[in-house]
């Protein structure tokens, strides 16, 4: 089971913390993706899209492709992403 919580600091900022409790090893790499970066949608498609916001992600490099497990964008939106 994964758990997340936020801390409200004295300077009015928020910090997000999240555990990733899985029985397999994953999320080995921290990657920064800038605004307006072009990404390929998935392995089976050449469809590309452009990021609107920069984000930081945790993931793994598999077959020269970055797999995202969790991340947060510059607006504070976070969502876990699973490989199907």
C-alpha atoms as a PDB file:
ATOM      1  CA  UNK A   1       0.000   0.000   0.000  1.00  0.00           C
ATOM      2  CA  UNK A   2       1.331   3.438  -0.924  1.00  0.00           C
ATOM      3  CA  UNK A   3       0.890   6.340   1.466  1.00  0.00           C
ATOM      4  CA  UNK A   4       1.254  10.066   0.873  1.00  0.00           C
ATOM      5  CA  UNK A   5       0.992  13.112   3.084  1.00  0.00           C
ATOM      6  CA  UNK A   6       1.766  16.829   2.915  1.00  0.00           C
ATOM      7  CA  UNK A   7       3.499  19.060   5.422  1.00  0.00           C
ATOM      8  CA  UNK A   8       2.656  22.752   5.733  1.00  0.00           C
ATOM      9  CA  UNK A   9       5.854  24.689   6.525  1.00  0.00           C
ATOM     10  CA  UNK A  10       6.164  27.937   8.480  1.00  0.00           C
ATOM     11  CA  UNK A  11       6.997  29.803   5.247  1.00  0.00           C
ATOM     12  CA  UNK A  12       3.535  28.764   3.896  1.00  0.00           C
ATOM     13  CA  UNK A  13       5.019  26.245   1.449  1.00  0.00           C
ATOM     14  CA  UNK A  14       3.860  22.639   1.227  1.00  0.00           C
ATOM     15  CA  UNK A  15       5.952  19.501   0.951  1.00  0.00           C
ATOM     16  CA  UNK A  16       4.655  16.233  -0.430  1.00  0.00           C
ATOM     17  CA  UNK A  17       5.930  12.873   0.752  1.00  0.00           C
ATOM     18  CA  UNK A  18       4.951   9.508  -0.682  1.00  0.00           C
ATOM     19  CA  UNK A  19       5.951   5.923  -0.049  1.00  0.00           C
ATOM     20  CA  UNK A  20       6.009   3.413  -2.874  1.00  0.00           C
ATOM     21  CA  UNK A  21       5.431   0.049  -1.244  1.00  0.00           C
ATOM     22  CA  UNK A  22       5.678  -2.535  -3.990  1.00  0.00           C
ATOM     23  CA  UNK A  23       7.161  -6.006  -3.960  1.00  0.00           C
ATOM     24  CA  UNK A  24       9.190  -5.252  -7.106  1.00  0.00           C
ATOM     25  CA  UNK A  25      12.089  -2.847  -7.534  1.00  0.00           C
ATOM     26  CA  UNK A  26      11.201   0.152  -9.675  1.00  0.00           C
ATOM     27  CA  UNK A  27      11.547   3.961  -9.571  1.00  0.00           C
ATOM     28  CA  UNK A  28      15.347   4.124  -9.718  1.00  0.00           C
ATOM     29  CA  UNK A  29      15.750   7.447 -11.521  1.00  0.00           C
ATOM     30  CA  UNK A  30      14.775  11.053 -10.808  1.00  0.00           C
ATOM     31  CA  UNK A  31      14.197  13.004 -14.030  1.00  0.00           C
ATOM     32  CA  UNK A  32      13.347  16.647 -14.732  1.00  0.00           C
ATOM     33  CA  UNK A  33      11.200  17.310 -17.822  1.00  0.00           C
ATOM     34  CA  UNK A  34      11.031  20.994 -18.900  1.00  0.00           C
ATOM     35  CA  UNK A  35       8.077  22.943 -20.295  1.00  0.00           C
ATOM     36  CA  UNK A  36       7.325  22.480 -24.002  1.00  0.00           C
ATOM     37  CA  UNK A  37       9.259  19.198 -24.145  1.00  0.00           C
ATOM     38  CA  UNK A  38       8.189  16.719 -26.839  1.00  0.00           C
ATOM     39  CA  UNK A  39       7.472  13.182 -25.625  1.00  0.00           C
ATOM     40  CA  UNK A  40       6.472   9.997 -27.418  1.00  0.00           C
ATOM     41  CA  UNK A  41       3.189   8.687 -26.029  1.00  0.00           C
ATOM     42  CA  UNK A  42       4.185   5.029 -25.533  1.00  0.00           C
ATOM     43  CA  UNK A  43       6.138   2.067 -26.928  1.00  0.00           C
ATOM     44  CA  UNK A  44       3.543   1.123 -29.512  1.00  0.00           C
ATOM     45  CA  UNK A  45       2.930   4.570 -30.950  1.00  0.00           C
ATOM     46  CA  UNK A  46       4.851   7.336 -32.628  1.00  0.00           C
ATOM     47  CA  UNK A  47       2.238   9.832 -31.374  1.00  0.00           C
ATOM     48  CA  UNK A  48       3.973  12.776 -29.704  1.00  0.00           C
ATOM     49  CA  UNK A  49       2.756  15.399 -27.314  1.00  0.00           C
ATOM     50  CA  UNK A  50       4.246  18.540 -25.805  1.00  0.00           C
ATOM     51  CA  UNK A  51       4.394  19.214 -22.074  1.00  0.00           C
ATOM     52  CA  UNK A  52       2.649  22.348 -20.859  1.00  0.00           C
ATOM     53  CA  UNK A  53       4.298  22.386 -17.423  1.00  0.00           C
ATOM     54  CA  UNK A  54       7.705  21.235 -16.248  1.00  0.00           C
ATOM     55  CA  UNK A  55       7.720  18.267 -13.873  1.00  0.00           C
ATOM     56  CA  UNK A  56       9.931  16.011 -11.808  1.00  0.00           C
ATOM     57  CA  UNK A  57       9.359  12.271 -11.971  1.00  0.00           C
ATOM     58  CA  UNK A  58      10.524   9.028 -10.422  1.00  0.00           C
ATOM     59  CA  UNK A  59      10.926   6.192 -12.863  1.00  0.00           C
ATOM     60  CA  UNK A  60      13.144   3.652 -14.503  1.00  0.00           C
ATOM     61  CA  UNK A  61      14.945   3.410 -17.808  1.00  0.00           C
ATOM     62  CA  UNK A  62      13.790   0.302 -19.672  1.00  0.00           C
ATOM     63  CA  UNK A  63      14.785  -0.484 -23.255  1.00  0.00           C
ATOM     64  CA  UNK A  64      15.992   3.112 -23.725  1.00  0.00           C
ATOM     65  CA  UNK A  65      12.556   4.419 -22.741  1.00  0.00           C
ATOM     66  CA  UNK A  66      11.770   6.289 -19.535  1.00  0.00           C
ATOM     67  CA  UNK A  67       8.929   4.681 -17.559  1.00  0.00           C
ATOM     68  CA  UNK A  68       7.249   7.108 -15.124  1.00  0.00           C
ATOM     69  CA  UNK A  69       5.935   5.749 -11.820  1.00  0.00           C
ATOM     70  CA  UNK A  70       5.197   8.967  -9.963  1.00  0.00           C
ATOM     71  CA  UNK A  71       5.797  12.690 -10.346  1.00  0.00           C
ATOM     72  CA  UNK A  72       4.707  16.261  -9.659  1.00  0.00           C
ATOM     73  CA  UNK A  73       4.462  19.211 -12.042  1.00  0.00           C
ATOM     74  CA  UNK A  74       5.333  22.854 -11.372  1.00  0.00           C
ATOM     75  CA  UNK A  75       1.681  23.613 -10.545  1.00  0.00           C
ATOM     76  CA  UNK A  76       1.648  20.970  -7.782  1.00  0.00           C
ATOM     77  CA  UNK A  77      -0.388  18.350  -9.639  1.00  0.00           C
ATOM     78  CA  UNK A  78       0.716  14.832  -8.834  1.00  0.00           C
ATOM     79  CA  UNK A  79      -0.571  11.494 -10.017  1.00  0.00           C
ATOM     80  CA  UNK A  80       0.911   8.022  -9.925  1.00  0.00           C
ATOM     81  CA  UNK A  81       1.223   6.434 -13.341  1.00  0.00           C
ATOM     82  CA  UNK A  82       1.330   2.669 -13.836  1.00  0.00           C
ATOM     83  CA  UNK A  83       2.780   0.730 -16.713  1.00  0.00           C
ATOM     84  CA  UNK A  84       0.016  -1.522 -18.054  1.00  0.00           C
END
